[in-house]
Amino acid sequence: MTLLACLPHSGKMEAAIPIEEMAFEDALKELEGIVTRLESGDAPLDASIALYERGNALRSHCAARLDAAQARIDSIRLDADGRPVGTTPFAAG
């Protein structure tokens, strides 16, 4: 997949940020824009395919970030009274 994508705000081709470098919030915001653009039906076929591919990659990135966050939450250790007492190290991949 190319790093060029027809971004939802512009309608023109612009360099897109590499997904693996994006914060969850930025990836989700871009994904929402792509969904809106695709649902509008105003993008040409080639642009729609590129948007769909980037959107799918953004979805995967967001899902992985959420899974990692859930694993970190799940790793919090509780004492006998149910109070957090520490965390178990988690290495997100």
PDB file of N, CA and C in Angstrom:
ATOM      1  N   MET A   1       0.844  -1.174   0.000  1.00  0.00           N
ATOM      2  CA  MET A   1       0.000   0.000   0.000  1.00  0.00           C
ATOM      3  C   MET A   1       0.889   1.236   0.000  1.00  0.00           C
ATOM      4  N   THR A   2       0.491   2.214  -0.725  1.00  0.00           N
ATOM      5  CA  THR A   2       1.248   3.454  -0.830  1.00  0.00           C
ATOM      6  C   THR A   2       0.930   4.380   0.341  1.00  0.00           C
ATOM      7  N   LEU A   3       1.844   5.279   0.630  1.00  0.00           N
ATOM      8  CA  LEU A   3       1.592   6.255   1.677  1.00  0.00           C
ATOM      9  C   LEU A   3       0.801   7.437   1.152  1.00  0.00           C
ATOM     10  N   LEU A   4       0.415   7.405  -0.090  1.00  0.00           N
ATOM     11  CA  LEU A   4      -0.453   8.442  -0.621  1.00  0.00           C
ATOM     12  C   LEU A   4      -1.882   7.977  -0.510  1.00  0.00           C
ATOM     13  N   ALA A   5      -2.708   8.815   0.025  1.00  0.00           N
ATOM     14  CA  ALA A   5      -4.116   8.481   0.164  1.00  0.00           C
ATOM     15  C   ALA A   5      -4.928   9.736  -0.100  1.00  0.00           C
ATOM     16  N   CYS A   6      -6.082   9.538  -0.620  1.00  0.00           N
ATOM     17  CA  CYS A   6      -6.993  10.652  -0.826  1.00  0.00           C
ATOM     18  C   CYS A   6      -7.657  10.913   0.523  1.00  0.00           C
ATOM     19  N   LEU A   7      -7.187  11.929   1.209  1.00  0.00           N
ATOM     20  CA  LEU A   7      -7.650  12.172   2.557  1.00  0.00           C
ATOM     21  C   LEU A   7      -9.066  12.724   2.554  1.00  0.00           C
ATOM     22  N   PRO A   8      -9.853  12.395   3.581  1.00  0.00           N
ATOM     23  CA  PRO A   8     -11.260  12.740   3.601  1.00  0.00           C
ATOM     24  C   PRO A   8     -11.555  14.223   3.570  1.00  0.00           C
ATOM     25  N   HIS A   9     -10.647  15.056   4.038  1.00  0.00           N
ATOM     26  CA  HIS A   9     -10.932  16.485   4.111  1.00  0.00           C
ATOM     27  C   HIS A   9     -10.686  17.205   2.796  1.00  0.00           C
ATOM     28  N   SER A  10      -9.837  16.653   1.961  1.00  0.00           N
ATOM     29  CA  SER A  10      -9.321  17.470   0.886  1.00  0.00           C
ATOM     30  C   SER A  10      -9.790  17.085  -0.501  1.00  0.00           C
ATOM     31  N   GLY A  11      -9.933  15.809  -0.787  1.00  0.00           N
ATOM     32  CA  GLY A  11     -10.243  15.396  -2.137  1.00  0.00           C
ATOM     33  C   GLY A  11      -9.032  15.386  -3.043  1.00  0.00           C
ATOM     34  N   LYS A  12      -7.873  15.817  -2.579  1.00  0.00           N
ATOM     35  CA  LYS A  12      -6.659  15.771  -3.378  1.00  0.00           C
ATOM     36  C   LYS A  12      -5.695  14.772  -2.753  1.00  0.00           C
ATOM     37  N   MET A  13      -4.708  14.364  -3.513  1.00  0.00           N
ATOM     38  CA  MET A  13      -3.751  13.395  -3.017  1.00  0.00           C
ATOM     39  C   MET A  13      -2.714  14.112  -2.164  1.00  0.00           C
ATOM     40  N   GLU A  14      -2.494  13.623  -0.946  1.00  0.00           N
ATOM     41  CA  GLU A  14      -1.518  14.194  -0.034  1.00  0.00           C
ATOM     42  C   GLU A  14      -0.741  13.059   0.613  1.00  0.00           C
ATOM     43  N   ALA A  15       0.448  13.364   1.072  1.00  0.00           N
ATOM     44  CA  ALA A  15       1.232  12.364   1.795  1.00  0.00           C
ATOM     45  C   ALA A  15       0.537  12.082   3.117  1.00  0.00           C
ATOM     46  N   ALA A  16       0.359  10.818   3.416  1.00  0.00           N
ATOM     47  CA  ALA A  16      -0.299  10.424   4.652  1.00  0.00           C
ATOM     48  C   ALA A  16       0.752   9.993   5.673  1.00  0.00           C
ATOM     49  N   ILE A  17       0.426  10.170   6.934  1.00  0.00           N
ATOM     50  CA  ILE A  17       1.323   9.761   8.015  1.00  0.00           C
ATOM     51  C   ILE A  17       1.363   8.234   8.048  1.00  0.00           C
ATOM     52  N   PRO A  18       2.546   7.644   8.194  1.00  0.00           N
ATOM     53  CA  PRO A  18       2.608   6.180   8.330  1.00  0.00           C
ATOM     54  C   PRO A  18       1.779   5.737   9.536  1.00  0.00           C
ATOM     55  N   ILE A  19       0.940   4.760   9.331  1.00  0.00           N
ATOM     56  CA  ILE A  19      -0.003   4.330  10.361  1.00  0.00           C
ATOM     57  C   ILE A  19       0.690   3.894  11.634  1.00  0.00           C
ATOM     58  N   GLU A  20       1.805   3.186  11.514  1.00  0.00           N
ATOM     59  CA  GLU A  20       2.481   2.678  12.717  1.00  0.00           C
ATOM     60  C   GLU A  20       3.018   3.805  13.596  1.00  0.00           C
ATOM     61  N   GLU A  21       3.100   5.023  13.075  1.00  0.00           N
ATOM     62  CA  GLU A  21       3.566   6.175  13.845  1.00  0.00           C
ATOM     63  C   GLU A  21       2.421   6.977  14.462  1.00  0.00           C
ATOM     64  N   MET A  22       1.184   6.593  14.153  1.00  0.00           N
ATOM     65  CA  MET A  22       0.027   7.373  14.594  1.00  0.00           C
ATOM     66  C   MET A  22      -0.416   7.008  16.005  1.00  0.00           C
ATOM     67  N   ALA A  23      -0.829   8.035  16.751  1.00  0.00           N
ATOM     68  CA  ALA A  23      -1.478   7.814  18.036  1.00  0.00           C
ATOM     69  C   ALA A  23      -2.858   7.221  17.765  1.00  0.00           C
ATOM     70  N   PHE A  24      -3.386   6.500  18.739  1.00  0.00           N
ATOM     71  CA  PHE A  24      -4.710   5.890  18.590  1.00  0.00           C
ATOM     72  C   PHE A  24      -5.755   6.920  18.178  1.00  0.00           C
ATOM     73  N   GLU A  25      -5.766   8.055  18.870  1.00  0.00           N
ATOM     74  CA  GLU A  25      -6.787   9.078  18.621  1.00  0.00           C
ATOM     75  C   GLU A  25      -6.700   9.633  17.200  1.00  0.00           C
ATOM     76  N   ASP A  26      -5.488   9.831  16.705  1.00  0.00           N
ATOM     77  CA  ASP A  26      -5.306  10.338  15.348  1.00  0.00           C
ATOM     78  C   ASP A  26      -5.747   9.299  14.318  1.00  0.00           C
ATOM     79  N   ALA A  27      -5.410   8.043  14.571  1.00  0.00           N
ATOM     80  CA  ALA A  27      -5.800   6.971  13.652  1.00  0.00           C
ATOM     81  C   ALA A  27      -7.316   6.834  13.619  1.00  0.00           C
ATOM     82  N   LEU A  28      -7.954   6.901  14.779  1.00  0.00           N
ATOM     83  CA  LEU A  28      -9.412   6.784  14.839  1.00  0.00           C
ATOM     84  C   LEU A  28     -10.088   7.951  14.126  1.00  0.00           C
ATOM     85  N   LYS A  29      -9.558   9.149  14.313  1.00  0.00           N
ATOM     86  CA  LYS A  29     -10.134  10.331  13.653  1.00  0.00           C
ATOM     87  C   LYS A  29     -10.025  10.200  12.133  1.00  0.00           C
ATOM     88  N   GLU A  30      -8.860   9.755  11.647  1.00  0.00           N
ATOM     89  CA  GLU A  30      -8.706   9.581  10.206  1.00  0.00           C
ATOM     90  C   GLU A  30      -9.626   8.483   9.695  1.00  0.00           C
ATOM     91  N   LEU A  31      -9.746   7.394  10.448  1.00  0.00           N
ATOM     92  CA  LEU A  31     -10.634   6.298  10.052  1.00  0.00           C
ATOM     93  C   LEU A  31     -12.077   6.777   9.952  1.00  0.00           C
ATOM     94  N   GLU A  32     -12.518   7.569  10.912  1.00  0.00           N
ATOM     95  CA  GLU A  32     -13.878   8.118  10.867  1.00  0.00           C
ATOM     96  C   GLU A  32     -14.081   8.977   9.626  1.00  0.00           C
ATOM     97  N   GLY A  33     -13.075   9.778   9.272  1.00  0.00           N
ATOM     98  CA  GLY A  33     -13.166  10.600   8.062  1.00  0.00           C
ATOM     99  C   GLY A  33     -13.241   9.756   6.803  1.00  0.00           C
ATOM    100  N   ILE A  34     -12.485   8.675   6.767  1.00  0.00           N
ATOM    101  CA  ILE A  34     -12.498   7.777   5.611  1.00  0.00           C
ATOM    102  C   ILE A  34     -13.862   7.123   5.476  1.00  0.00           C
ATOM    103  N   VAL A  35     -14.420   6.672   6.594  1.00  0.00           N
ATOM    104  CA  VAL A  35     -15.752   6.046   6.554  1.00  0.00           C
ATOM    105  C   VAL A  35     -16.779   7.036   6.025  1.00  0.00           C
ATOM    106  N   THR A  36     -16.713   8.264   6.508  1.00  0.00           N
ATOM    107  CA  THR A  36     -17.645   9.299   6.036  1.00  0.00           C
ATOM    108  C   THR A  36     -17.504   9.513   4.535  1.00  0.00           C
ATOM    109  N   ARG A  37     -16.266   9.609   4.080  1.00  0.00           N
ATOM    110  CA  ARG A  37     -16.011   9.818   2.649  1.00  0.00           C
ATOM    111  C   ARG A  37     -16.516   8.649   1.821  1.00  0.00           C
ATOM    112  N   LEU A  38     -16.255   7.429   2.269  1.00  0.00           N
ATOM    113  CA  LEU A  38     -16.720   6.261   1.519  1.00  0.00           C
ATOM    114  C   LEU A  38     -18.242   6.173   1.508  1.00  0.00           C
ATOM    115  N   GLU A  39     -18.870   6.483   2.629  1.00  0.00           N
ATOM    116  CA  GLU A  39     -20.323   6.439   2.704  1.00  0.00           C
ATOM    117  C   GLU A  39     -20.971   7.492   1.821  1.00  0.00           C
ATOM    118  N   SER A  40     -20.285   8.601   1.585  1.00  0.00           N
ATOM    119  CA  SER A  40     -20.854   9.663   0.751  1.00  0.00           C
ATOM    120  C   SER A  40     -20.941   9.246  -0.710  1.00  0.00           C
ATOM    121  N   GLY A  41     -20.034   8.344  -1.109  1.00  0.00           N
ATOM    122  CA  GLY A  41     -20.047   7.861  -2.486  1.00  0.00           C
ATOM    123  C   GLY A  41     -19.500   8.841  -3.495  1.00  0.00           C
ATOM    124  N   ASP A  42     -18.841   9.909  -3.058  1.00  0.00           N
ATOM    125  CA  ASP A  42     -18.362  10.913  -4.008  1.00  0.00           C
ATOM    126  C   ASP A  42     -16.934  10.682  -4.485  1.00  0.00           C
ATOM    127  N   ALA A  43     -16.259   9.670  -3.960  1.00  0.00           N
ATOM    128  CA  ALA A  43     -14.881   9.393  -4.380  1.00  0.00           C
ATOM    129  C   ALA A  43     -14.893   8.494  -5.612  1.00  0.00           C
ATOM    130  N   PRO A  44     -14.008   8.751  -6.568  1.00  0.00           N
ATOM    131  CA  PRO A  44     -13.883   7.856  -7.719  1.00  0.00           C
ATOM    132  C   PRO A  44     -13.444   6.461  -7.256  1.00  0.00           C
ATOM    133  N   LEU A  45     -13.633   5.484  -8.106  1.00  0.00           N
ATOM    134  CA  LEU A  45     -13.355   4.097  -7.747  1.00  0.00           C
ATOM    135  C   LEU A  45     -11.934   3.893  -7.229  1.00  0.00           C
ATOM    136  N   ASP A  46     -10.932   4.368  -7.955  1.00  0.00           N
ATOM    137  CA  ASP A  46      -9.543   4.170  -7.523  1.00  0.00           C
ATOM    138  C   ASP A  46      -9.288   4.808  -6.161  1.00  0.00           C
ATOM    139  N   ALA A  47      -9.817   5.997  -5.943  1.00  0.00           N
ATOM    140  CA  ALA A  47      -9.651   6.673  -4.662  1.00  0.00           C
ATOM    141  C   ALA A  47     -10.388   5.906  -3.564  1.00  0.00           C
ATOM    142  N   SER A  48     -11.567   5.379  -3.886  1.00  0.00           N
ATOM    143  CA  SER A  48     -12.330   4.597  -2.910  1.00  0.00           C
ATOM    144  C   SER A  48     -11.565   3.349  -2.482  1.00  0.00           C
ATOM    145  N   ILE A  49     -10.924   2.698  -3.435  1.00  0.00           N
ATOM    146  CA  ILE A  49     -10.136   1.505  -3.111  1.00  0.00           C
ATOM    147  C   ILE A  49      -8.967   1.877  -2.202  1.00  0.00           C
ATOM    148  N   ALA A  50      -8.273   2.969  -2.525  1.00  0.00           N
ATOM    149  CA  ALA A  50      -7.151   3.425  -1.690  1.00  0.00           C
ATOM    150  C   ALA A  50      -7.640   3.807  -0.296  1.00  0.00           C
ATOM    151  N   LEU A  51      -8.778   4.489  -0.228  1.00  0.00           N
ATOM    152  CA  LEU A  51      -9.346   4.856   1.066  1.00  0.00           C
ATOM    153  C   LEU A  51      -9.707   3.616   1.869  1.00  0.00           C
ATOM    154  N   TYR A  52     -10.311   2.640   1.210  1.00  0.00           N
ATOM    155  CA  TYR A  52     -10.693   1.407   1.892  1.00  0.00           C
ATOM    156  C   TYR A  52      -9.456   0.689   2.438  1.00  0.00           C
ATOM    157  N   GLU A  53      -8.412   0.601   1.633  1.00  0.00           N
ATOM    158  CA  GLU A  53      -7.184  -0.075   2.075  1.00  0.00           C
ATOM    159  C   GLU A  53      -6.576   0.637   3.282  1.00  0.00           C
ATOM    160  N   ARG A  54      -6.494   1.954   3.224  1.00  0.00           N
ATOM    161  CA  ARG A  54      -5.930   2.702   4.365  1.00  0.00           C
ATOM    162  C   ARG A  54      -6.849   2.572   5.574  1.00  0.00           C
ATOM    163  N   GLY A  55      -8.148   2.635   5.339  1.00  0.00           N
ATOM    164  CA  GLY A  55      -9.094   2.478   6.440  1.00  0.00           C
ATOM    165  C   GLY A  55      -8.961   1.124   7.119  1.00  0.00           C
ATOM    166  N   ASN A  56      -8.766   0.079   6.337  1.00  0.00           N
ATOM    167  CA  ASN A  56      -8.599  -1.258   6.904  1.00  0.00           C
ATOM    168  C   ASN A  56      -7.315  -1.330   7.734  1.00  0.00           C
ATOM    169  N   ALA A  57      -6.258  -0.725   7.250  1.00  0.00           N
ATOM    170  CA  ALA A  57      -5.000  -0.700   8.006  1.00  0.00           C
ATOM    171  C   ALA A  57      -5.162   0.124   9.289  1.00  0.00           C
ATOM    172  N   LEU A  58      -5.880   1.234   9.217  1.00  0.00           N
ATOM    173  CA  LEU A  58      -6.143   2.047  10.405  1.00  0.00           C
ATOM    174  C   LEU A  58      -6.975   1.261  11.419  1.00  0.00           C
ATOM    175  N   ARG A  59      -7.963   0.522  10.939  1.00  0.00           N
ATOM    176  CA  ARG A  59      -8.801  -0.292  11.821  1.00  0.00           C
ATOM    177  C   ARG A  59      -7.953  -1.325  12.553  1.00  0.00           C
ATOM    178  N   SER A  60      -7.065  -1.977  11.823  1.00  0.00           N
ATOM    179  CA  SER A  60      -6.175  -2.969  12.441  1.00  0.00           C
ATOM    180  C   SER A  60      -5.273  -2.327  13.486  1.00  0.00           C
ATOM    181  N   HIS A  61      -4.733  -1.156  13.162  1.00  0.00           N
ATOM    182  CA  HIS A  61      -3.860  -0.429  14.092  1.00  0.00           C
ATOM    183  C   HIS A  61      -4.631  -0.074  15.366  1.00  0.00           C
ATOM    184  N   CYS A  62      -5.845   0.451  15.216  1.00  0.00           N
ATOM    185  CA  CYS A  62      -6.648   0.827  16.376  1.00  0.00           C
ATOM    186  C   CYS A  62      -6.981  -0.402  17.220  1.00  0.00           C
ATOM    187  N   ALA A  63      -7.342  -1.501  16.577  1.00  0.00           N
ATOM    188  CA  ALA A  63      -7.667  -2.728  17.305  1.00  0.00           C
ATOM    189  C   ALA A  63      -6.462  -3.225  18.095  1.00  0.00           C
ATOM    190  N   ALA A  64      -5.280  -3.175  17.495  1.00  0.00           N
ATOM    191  CA  ALA A  64      -4.069  -3.614  18.186  1.00  0.00           C
ATOM    192  C   ALA A  64      -3.769  -2.717  19.387  1.00  0.00           C
ATOM    193  N   ARG A  65      -3.953  -1.419  19.215  1.00  0.00           N
ATOM    194  CA  ARG A  65      -3.706  -0.490  20.326  1.00  0.00           C
ATOM    195  C   ARG A  65      -4.705  -0.727  21.460  1.00  0.00           C
ATOM    196  N   LEU A  66      -5.967  -0.994  21.121  1.00  0.00           N
ATOM    197  CA  LEU A  66      -6.968  -1.284  22.148  1.00  0.00           C
ATOM    198  C   LEU A  66      -6.661  -2.596  22.858  1.00  0.00           C
ATOM    199  N   ASP A  67      -6.247  -3.611  22.105  1.00  0.00           N
ATOM    200  CA  ASP A  67      -5.881  -4.894  22.711  1.00  0.00           C
ATOM    201  C   ASP A  67      -4.713  -4.721  23.680  1.00  0.00           C
ATOM    202  N   ALA A  68      -3.724  -3.922  23.285  1.00  0.00           N
ATOM    203  CA  ALA A  68      -2.577  -3.677  24.159  1.00  0.00           C
ATOM    204  C   ALA A  68      -3.009  -2.940  25.421  1.00  0.00           C
ATOM    205  N   ALA A  69      -3.896  -1.975  25.275  1.00  0.00           N
ATOM    206  CA  ALA A  69      -4.383  -1.234  26.440  1.00  0.00           C
ATOM    207  C   ALA A  69      -5.161  -2.160  27.370  1.00  0.00           C
ATOM    208  N   GLN A  70      -5.990  -3.020  26.787  1.00  0.00           N
ATOM    209  CA  GLN A  70      -6.759  -3.969  27.602  1.00  0.00           C
ATOM    210  C   GLN A  70      -5.825  -4.918  28.348  1.00  0.00           C
ATOM    211  N   ALA A  71      -4.787  -5.374  27.690  1.00  0.00           N
ATOM    212  CA  ALA A  71      -3.823  -6.271  28.336  1.00  0.00           C
ATOM    213  C   ALA A  71      -3.140  -5.570  29.505  1.00  0.00           C
ATOM    214  N   ARG A  72      -2.826  -4.290  29.337  1.00  0.00           N
ATOM    215  CA  ARG A  72      -2.206  -3.536  30.436  1.00  0.00           C
ATOM    216  C   ARG A  72      -3.170  -3.398  31.604  1.00  0.00           C
ATOM    217  N   ILE A  73      -4.427  -3.143  31.302  1.00  0.00           N
ATOM    218  CA  ILE A  73      -5.437  -3.029  32.357  1.00  0.00           C
ATOM    219  C   ILE A  73      -5.599  -4.368  33.065  1.00  0.00           C
ATOM    220  N   ASP A  74      -5.665  -5.439  32.282  1.00  0.00           N
ATOM    221  CA  ASP A  74      -5.824  -6.775  32.848  1.00  0.00           C
ATOM    222  C   ASP A  74      -4.640  -7.184  33.716  1.00  0.00           C
ATOM    223  N   SER A  75      -3.484  -6.581  33.493  1.00  0.00           N
ATOM    224  CA  SER A  75      -2.288  -6.980  34.232  1.00  0.00           C
ATOM    225  C   SER A  75      -2.143  -6.273  35.572  1.00  0.00           C
ATOM    226  N   ILE A  76      -3.044  -5.378  35.903  1.00  0.00           N
ATOM    227  CA  ILE A  76      -2.981  -4.701  37.204  1.00  0.00           C
ATOM    228  C   ILE A  76      -3.272  -5.727  38.299  1.00  0.00           C
ATOM    229  N   ARG A  77      -2.368  -5.802  39.250  1.00  0.00           N
ATOM    230  CA  ARG A  77      -2.528  -6.754  40.353  1.00  0.00           C
ATOM    231  C   ARG A  77      -3.325  -6.112  41.477  1.00  0.00           C
ATOM    232  N   LEU A  78      -4.181  -6.915  42.101  1.00  0.00           N
ATOM    233  CA  LEU A  78      -5.009  -6.441  43.207  1.00  0.00           C
ATOM    234  C   LEU A  78      -4.616  -7.166  44.486  1.00  0.00           C
ATOM    235  N   ASP A  79      -4.764  -6.476  45.636  1.00  0.00           N
ATOM    236  CA  ASP A  79      -4.513  -7.136  46.915  1.00  0.00           C
ATOM    237  C   ASP A  79      -5.782  -7.866  47.363  1.00  0.00           C
ATOM    238  N   ALA A  80      -5.773  -8.419  48.568  1.00  0.00           N
ATOM    239  CA  ALA A  80      -6.909  -9.196  49.073  1.00  0.00           C
ATOM    240  C   ALA A  80      -8.184  -8.366  49.181  1.00  0.00           C
ATOM    241  N   ASP A  81      -8.032  -7.052  49.330  1.00  0.00           N
ATOM    242  CA  ASP A  81      -9.194  -6.168  49.437  1.00  0.00           C
ATOM    243  C   ASP A  81      -9.633  -5.611  48.085  1.00  0.00           C
ATOM    244  N   GLY A  82      -8.972  -6.033  47.015  1.00  0.00           N
ATOM    245  CA  GLY A  82      -9.339  -5.573  45.673  1.00  0.00           C
ATOM    246  C   GLY A  82      -8.724  -4.254  45.280  1.00  0.00           C
ATOM    247  N   ARG A  83      -7.738  -3.779  46.039  1.00  0.00           N
ATOM    248  CA  ARG A  83      -7.060  -2.527  45.699  1.00  0.00           C
ATOM    249  C   ARG A  83      -5.862  -2.799  44.799  1.00  0.00           C
ATOM    250  N   PRO A  84      -5.632  -1.938  43.825  1.00  0.00           N
ATOM    251  CA  PRO A  84      -4.451  -2.119  42.968  1.00  0.00           C
ATOM    252  C   PRO A  84      -3.181  -1.995  43.793  1.00  0.00           C
ATOM    253  N   VAL A  85      -2.248  -2.935  43.614  1.00  0.00           N
ATOM    254  CA  VAL A  85      -0.995  -2.902  44.351  1.00  0.00           C
ATOM    255  C   VAL A  85       0.211  -2.864  43.422  1.00  0.00           C
ATOM    256  N   GLY A  86      -0.007  -2.929  42.164  1.00  0.00           N
ATOM    257  CA  GLY A  86       1.094  -2.911  41.214  1.00  0.00           C
ATOM    258  C   GLY A  86       0.632  -3.438  39.871  1.00  0.00           C
ATOM    259  N   THR A  87       1.553  -3.519  38.987  1.00  0.00           N
ATOM    260  CA  THR A  87       1.235  -4.028  37.665  1.00  0.00           C
ATOM    261  C   THR A  87       2.209  -5.128  37.292  1.00  0.00           C
ATOM    262  N   THR A  88       1.765  -5.964  36.403  1.00  0.00           N
ATOM    263  CA  THR A  88       2.612  -6.976  35.826  1.00  0.00           C
ATOM    264  C   THR A  88       3.109  -6.426  34.497  1.00  0.00           C
ATOM    265  N   PRO A  89       4.398  -6.409  34.242  1.00  0.00           N
ATOM    266  CA  PRO A  89       4.887  -5.866  32.966  1.00  0.00           C
ATOM    267  C   PRO A  89       4.244  -6.566  31.783  1.00  0.00           C
ATOM    268  N   PHE A  90       3.886  -5.780  30.797  1.00  0.00           N
ATOM    269  CA  PHE A  90       3.285  -6.306  29.582  1.00  0.00           C
ATOM    270  C   PHE A  90       4.044  -5.734  28.397  1.00  0.00           C
ATOM    271  N   ALA A  91       4.481  -6.604  27.532  1.00  0.00           N
ATOM    272  CA  ALA A  91       5.201  -6.169  26.340  1.00  0.00           C
ATOM    273  C   ALA A  91       4.257  -6.250  25.146  1.00  0.00           C
ATOM    274  N   ALA A  92       3.755  -5.096  24.711  1.00  0.00           N
ATOM    275  CA  ALA A  92       2.863  -5.065  23.542  1.00  0.00           C
ATOM    276  C   ALA A  92       3.678  -5.285  22.288  1.00  0.00           C
ATOM    277  N   GLY A  93       3.119  -6.049  21.384  1.00  0.00           N
ATOM    278  CA  GLY A  93       3.852  -6.325  20.163  1.00  0.00           C
ATOM    279  C   GLY A  93       3.398  -5.634  19.020  1.00  0.00           C
TER     280      GLY A  93
END
